[in-house]
């Protein structure tokens, strides 16, 4: 599964970014996302990044691409969406679109009162959608992963008209073709050592889309505002709940807040745009002269 290879790289990256009370956005592999708004590290809590489009272009003849993203950064809640489309109705098709990779990171240090060594048990909820439409390139892929420390809580990919997942369910969306809904929930344990626990979240999105002659394609990952952790309880070394335990985070976020899972949200508006663009590209290919 290609997304698992990506996850291994994220674990190495995460080990270098650990810090108390910090939010990060990391881009790698594509110039389109090089200049993220603001700083690449040290975002304030509840930062929303919502540019509608980061890069687009027209190649020789009827060739072109569009790339876009959105993100939400908050302690205990991360979200991102990545979108890419590509089309070619020329005699010769090149590589119009490069893979988009976006990583949202939350790093926090927690001081635990009432126990020196034990376990911090957290609830998590993860939900979103993947879209894989058109194109004949075997590398076309929409993928995501969500992890806490070295624990991969969920991942999935959509490619070749199908999908696969880890840690949750991936089902065809009844309202949108070529789209899959993902949902996962559960608990995850974080070690408490000498009255301290480290919370390190990573949400990753990847979209790769390259069309063939007379084709268009769309790949998107929409996990905006849907990777949540909370409902924390403190357990002693025997697994018993520590009554009266306190949890103080470096960021000030309250990780004991309960989670209320919501229904999978409607895909981002660019999914509708993608459908329209695909129809337009197909129409242009059938009803216009081919330009080289």
Protein backbone atom coordinates (compact mmCIF):
# COMPACT_ATOMS: atom_id res chain seq x y z
CA UNK A 1 0.00 0.00 0.00
CA UNK A 2 1.68 3.19 -1.23
CA UNK A 3 0.36 5.37 1.56
CA UNK A 4 2.20 3.26 4.15
CA UNK A 5 5.51 4.14 2.51
CA UNK A 6 4.61 7.81 2.90
CA UNK A 7 3.70 7.27 6.57
CA UNK A 8 7.16 5.85 7.35
CA UNK A 9 8.68 9.11 6.11
CA UNK A 10 6.29 11.13 8.27
CA UNK A 11 7.41 9.29 11.41
CA UNK A 12 11.00 10.37 10.76
CA UNK A 13 9.88 13.94 10.09
CA UNK A 14 7.78 14.00 13.26
CA UNK A 15 10.69 12.99 15.44
CA UNK A 16 12.49 16.17 14.40
CA UNK A 17 9.59 18.59 14.96
CA UNK A 18 8.58 17.72 18.52
CA UNK A 19 8.09 20.81 20.71
CA UNK A 20 5.66 22.01 23.36
CA UNK A 21 2.58 23.93 22.27
CA UNK A 22 3.39 24.39 18.57
CA UNK A 23 1.40 24.09 15.31
CA UNK A 24 3.09 23.44 11.97
CA UNK A 25 2.30 23.24 8.27
CA UNK A 26 4.86 21.33 6.22
CA UNK A 27 5.01 21.02 2.44
CA UNK A 28 7.29 18.80 0.42
CA UNK A 29 7.43 17.60 -3.15
CA UNK A 30 5.67 20.43 -4.99
CA UNK A 31 6.47 24.07 -5.63
CA UNK A 32 2.77 24.92 -5.62
CA UNK A 33 2.61 24.88 -1.82
CA UNK A 34 6.05 26.37 -1.14
CA UNK A 35 4.74 29.73 0.06
CA UNK A 36 2.13 28.86 2.66
CA UNK A 37 0.47 31.93 4.22
CA UNK A 38 2.29 33.07 7.35
CA UNK A 39 5.10 31.07 8.87
CA UNK A 40 5.61 27.35 8.24
CA UNK A 41 5.80 26.90 12.02
CA UNK A 42 4.40 28.63 15.05
CA UNK A 43 0.83 29.18 13.83
CA UNK A 44 -1.60 30.44 16.44
CA UNK A 45 -4.41 28.22 17.69
CA UNK A 46 -7.44 27.85 15.39
CA UNK A 47 -5.60 29.10 12.29
CA UNK A 48 -7.60 28.67 9.07
CA UNK A 49 -5.84 28.54 5.70
CA UNK A 50 -8.35 28.85 2.88
CA UNK A 51 -6.83 29.97 -0.42
CA UNK A 52 -9.18 28.75 -3.13
CA UNK A 53 -6.36 28.09 -5.58
CA UNK A 54 -2.61 27.98 -5.23
CA UNK A 55 -1.47 27.23 -8.75
CA UNK A 56 -2.90 26.76 -12.22
CA UNK A 57 -1.53 26.80 -15.71
CA UNK A 58 -2.08 26.13 -19.38
CA UNK A 59 0.42 24.03 -21.28
CA UNK A 60 0.97 23.97 -25.05
CA UNK A 61 -2.37 23.49 -26.79
CA UNK A 62 -5.26 22.12 -24.77
CA UNK A 63 -3.31 21.10 -21.67
CA UNK A 64 -3.44 22.39 -18.14
CA UNK A 65 -3.91 21.82 -14.43
CA UNK A 66 -5.34 23.29 -11.22
CA UNK A 67 -4.14 22.79 -7.64
CA UNK A 68 -5.69 23.99 -4.38
CA UNK A 69 -5.70 23.38 -0.64
CA UNK A 70 -7.30 24.42 2.64
CA UNK A 71 -6.27 23.68 6.22
CA UNK A 72 -7.27 24.12 9.85
CA UNK A 73 -4.76 24.10 12.71
CA UNK A 74 -5.80 23.75 16.33
CA UNK A 75 -4.60 21.75 19.34
CA UNK A 76 -6.67 18.60 19.53
CA UNK A 77 -8.13 19.18 16.05
CA UNK A 78 -6.40 19.21 12.67
CA UNK A 79 -7.85 19.40 9.19
CA UNK A 80 -6.70 19.70 5.59
CA UNK A 81 -7.94 19.37 2.04
CA UNK A 82 -5.77 18.90 -1.04
CA UNK A 83 -7.05 19.03 -4.62
CA UNK A 84 -5.50 18.58 -8.05
CA UNK A 85 -6.86 18.25 -11.60
CA UNK A 86 -5.16 17.78 -14.95
CA UNK A 87 -6.35 17.64 -18.55
CA UNK A 88 -4.91 17.11 -22.00
CA UNK A 89 -6.64 17.09 -25.36
CA UNK A 90 -3.51 17.81 -27.40
CA UNK A 91 -1.65 15.38 -29.65
CA UNK A 92 1.23 15.30 -27.18
CA UNK A 93 0.73 15.24 -23.43
CA UNK A 94 3.38 16.09 -20.87
CA UNK A 95 3.46 16.18 -17.09
CA UNK A 96 1.20 19.11 -16.30
CA UNK A 97 0.72 18.39 -12.61
CA UNK A 98 3.13 17.43 -9.84
CA UNK A 99 2.09 15.54 -6.68
CA UNK A 100 0.80 17.70 -3.83
CA UNK A 101 1.78 16.81 -0.28
CA UNK A 102 0.60 18.72 2.78
CA UNK A 103 1.21 17.90 6.44
CA UNK A 104 -0.55 19.51 9.43
CA UNK A 105 1.20 19.00 12.77
CA UNK A 106 0.26 19.70 16.40
CA UNK A 107 2.87 19.25 19.12
CA UNK A 108 2.10 19.71 22.82
CA UNK A 109 3.60 18.84 26.19
CA UNK A 110 1.36 17.81 29.11
CA UNK A 111 2.15 17.93 32.81
CA UNK A 112 0.18 15.26 34.69
CA UNK A 113 -0.69 15.72 38.35
CA UNK A 114 -1.64 12.77 40.57
CA UNK A 115 0.57 10.10 39.03
CA UNK A 116 4.24 9.84 38.09
CA UNK A 117 4.11 6.94 35.63
CA UNK A 118 1.08 5.58 33.85
CA UNK A 119 -1.03 6.12 30.74
CA UNK A 120 -2.98 8.98 29.22
CA UNK A 121 -5.92 7.50 27.31
CA UNK A 122 -7.39 9.66 24.52
CA UNK A 123 -10.44 9.26 22.31
CA UNK A 124 -10.16 10.09 18.61
CA UNK A 125 -12.50 10.63 15.67
CA UNK A 126 -11.42 10.82 12.02
CA UNK A 127 -13.70 11.33 9.04
CA UNK A 128 -13.45 12.66 5.51
CA UNK A 129 -13.57 11.85 1.81
CA UNK A 130 -11.25 10.79 -1.02
CA UNK A 131 -11.93 11.36 -4.73
CA UNK A 132 -10.25 9.53 -7.63
CA UNK A 133 -11.63 10.45 -11.05
CA UNK A 134 -10.34 9.64 -14.54
CA UNK A 135 -6.89 9.52 -16.03
CA UNK A 136 -4.94 6.45 -17.15
CA UNK A 137 -1.78 6.92 -15.09
CA UNK A 138 -1.17 4.12 -12.59
CA UNK A 139 0.41 6.67 -10.24
CA UNK A 140 -2.82 8.67 -9.88
CA UNK A 141 -3.65 8.57 -6.19
CA UNK A 142 -5.49 10.35 -3.38
CA UNK A 143 -4.26 9.36 0.08
CA UNK A 144 -4.20 10.46 3.71
CA UNK A 145 -2.88 9.32 7.07
CA UNK A 146 -3.45 10.42 10.68
CA UNK A 147 -1.15 9.46 13.52
CA UNK A 148 -0.46 10.25 17.15
CA UNK A 149 3.22 9.80 17.87
CA UNK A 150 4.19 6.52 16.19
CA UNK A 151 0.61 5.20 16.30
CA UNK A 152 -1.08 5.33 12.89
CA UNK A 153 -4.75 5.77 13.80
CA UNK A 154 -6.09 5.79 10.26
CA UNK A 155 -5.06 5.87 6.61
CA UNK A 156 -6.64 5.28 3.22
CA UNK A 157 -6.05 5.67 -0.49
CA UNK A 158 -8.21 5.87 -3.59
CA UNK A 159 -6.73 4.83 -6.91
CA UNK A 160 -7.73 3.01 -10.09
CA UNK A 161 -11.45 3.27 -9.37
CA UNK A 162 -11.19 1.63 -5.95
CA UNK A 163 -9.99 2.26 -2.44
CA UNK A 164 -8.30 0.63 0.53
CA UNK A 165 -8.02 1.67 4.16
CA UNK A 166 -6.44 1.01 7.53
CA UNK A 167 -7.91 1.62 10.96
CA UNK A 168 -11.41 2.52 9.77
CA UNK A 169 -14.10 2.02 7.15
CA UNK A 170 -13.98 3.28 3.56
CA UNK A 171 -17.29 3.19 1.68
CA UNK A 172 -18.51 4.61 -1.65
CA UNK A 173 -20.23 7.98 -1.25
CA UNK A 174 -23.89 7.64 -2.25
CA UNK A 175 -24.15 11.28 -3.38
CA UNK A 176 -20.89 11.74 -5.31
CA UNK A 177 -19.43 9.37 -7.90
CA UNK A 178 -15.77 8.36 -7.70
CA UNK A 179 -15.76 9.44 -4.04
CA UNK A 180 -15.26 7.37 -0.87
CA UNK A 181 -16.18 8.24 2.72
CA UNK A 182 -13.79 7.32 5.53
CA UNK A 183 -14.61 7.05 9.23
CA UNK A 184 -12.64 5.84 12.24
CA UNK A 185 -12.96 6.25 16.00
CA UNK A 186 -11.45 4.66 19.08
CA UNK A 187 -8.95 5.21 21.87
CA UNK A 188 -5.18 5.55 21.89
CA UNK A 189 -2.76 5.42 24.82
CA UNK A 190 0.13 7.82 25.44
CA UNK A 191 2.79 6.99 28.01
CA UNK A 192 3.15 9.14 31.13
CA UNK A 193 6.72 9.25 32.37
CA UNK A 194 7.83 11.26 35.41
CA UNK A 195 4.56 13.18 35.32
CA UNK A 196 4.89 14.20 31.66
CA UNK A 197 3.21 13.14 28.41
CA UNK A 198 3.89 14.29 24.85
CA UNK A 199 1.09 14.78 22.31
CA UNK A 200 2.26 14.80 18.69
CA UNK A 201 -0.40 14.71 15.94
CA UNK A 202 0.16 14.50 12.18
CA UNK A 203 -2.48 14.71 9.46
CA UNK A 204 -1.15 14.15 5.95
CA UNK A 205 -2.80 14.56 2.53
CA UNK A 206 -1.45 13.53 -0.87
CA UNK A 207 -2.90 14.03 -4.35
CA UNK A 208 -1.26 12.93 -7.60
CA UNK A 209 -3.04 13.33 -10.93
CA UNK A 210 -1.74 12.99 -14.49
CA UNK A 211 -4.08 12.54 -17.45
CA UNK A 212 -3.49 10.85 -20.77
CA UNK A 213 -4.34 12.09 -24.24
CA UNK A 214 -7.96 13.15 -24.54
CA UNK A 215 -8.54 12.73 -20.83
CA UNK A 216 -8.93 14.66 -17.60
CA UNK A 217 -8.41 13.54 -14.01
CA UNK A 218 -9.12 14.73 -10.49
CA UNK A 219 -7.65 13.62 -7.18
CA UNK A 220 -8.66 15.15 -3.86
CA UNK A 221 -8.41 14.56 -0.12
CA UNK A 222 -10.94 16.30 2.12
CA UNK A 223 -10.30 15.85 5.84
CA UNK A 224 -10.98 19.44 6.88
CA UNK A 225 -11.70 19.86 10.63
CA UNK A 226 -12.25 16.13 11.12
CA UNK A 227 -9.16 14.74 12.90
CA UNK A 228 -9.96 15.16 16.60
CA UNK A 229 -8.57 13.90 19.91
CA UNK A 230 -9.93 14.49 23.43
CA UNK A 231 -11.82 12.92 26.30
CA UNK A 232 -8.53 12.25 28.09
CA UNK A 233 -8.37 10.17 31.28
CA UNK A 234 -5.33 9.34 33.41
CA UNK A 235 -4.57 5.71 34.28
CA UNK A 236 -2.02 4.41 36.76
CA UNK A 237 0.53 1.70 35.96
CA UNK A 238 -2.13 -0.94 36.70
CA UNK A 239 -4.64 0.56 34.27
CA UNK A 240 -6.91 2.06 36.92
CA UNK A 241 -8.41 5.55 36.53
CA UNK A 242 -6.62 8.07 38.77
CA UNK A 243 -9.31 10.08 40.53
CA UNK A 244 -8.52 13.78 40.85
CA UNK A 245 -5.65 13.67 38.35
CA UNK A 246 -4.87 16.95 36.57
CA UNK A 247 -3.73 17.55 33.00
CA UNK A 248 -2.02 20.84 32.16
CA UNK A 249 -0.93 21.39 28.55
CA UNK A 250 1.77 23.73 27.30
CA UNK A 251 -0.67 25.13 24.74
CA UNK A 252 -3.47 25.68 27.25
CA UNK A 253 -5.77 23.31 25.36
CA UNK A 254 -8.09 21.12 27.49
CA UNK A 255 -7.63 17.54 26.28
CA UNK A 256 -10.33 16.27 28.66
CA UNK A 257 -13.07 17.85 26.52
CA UNK A 258 -15.40 15.12 25.20
CA UNK A 259 -15.69 14.42 21.47
CA UNK A 260 -19.03 14.40 19.69
CA UNK A 261 -18.64 12.58 16.34
CA UNK A 262 -20.51 14.33 13.55
CA UNK A 263 -21.79 12.92 10.26
CA UNK A 264 -19.25 12.88 7.44
CA UNK A 265 -19.40 16.40 5.97
CA UNK A 266 -20.19 17.16 2.35
CA UNK A 267 -17.04 17.19 0.21
CA UNK A 268 -15.43 20.55 -0.42
CA UNK A 269 -16.94 22.78 -3.09
CA UNK A 270 -14.04 22.04 -5.41
CA UNK A 271 -15.37 18.49 -5.85
CA UNK A 272 -18.33 19.99 -7.66
CA UNK A 273 -15.93 22.18 -9.58
CA UNK A 274 -13.91 19.10 -10.54
CA UNK A 275 -16.98 17.41 -11.99
CA UNK A 276 -17.81 20.50 -14.02
CA UNK A 277 -14.24 20.85 -15.27
CA UNK A 278 -14.12 17.20 -16.30
CA UNK A 279 -17.30 17.64 -18.34
CA UNK A 280 -15.97 20.82 -19.93
CA UNK A 281 -12.67 19.18 -20.87
CA UNK A 282 -14.49 16.21 -22.39
CA UNK A 283 -16.76 18.54 -24.37
CA UNK A 284 -13.80 20.55 -25.63
CA UNK A 285 -12.04 17.40 -26.74
CA UNK A 286 -15.04 16.19 -28.74
CA UNK A 287 -16.11 19.50 -30.25
CA UNK A 288 -12.93 21.45 -30.89
CA UNK A 289 -9.94 21.02 -33.15
CA UNK A 290 -6.91 19.54 -31.46
CA UNK A 291 -4.10 22.00 -30.88
CA UNK A 292 -0.52 20.83 -30.65
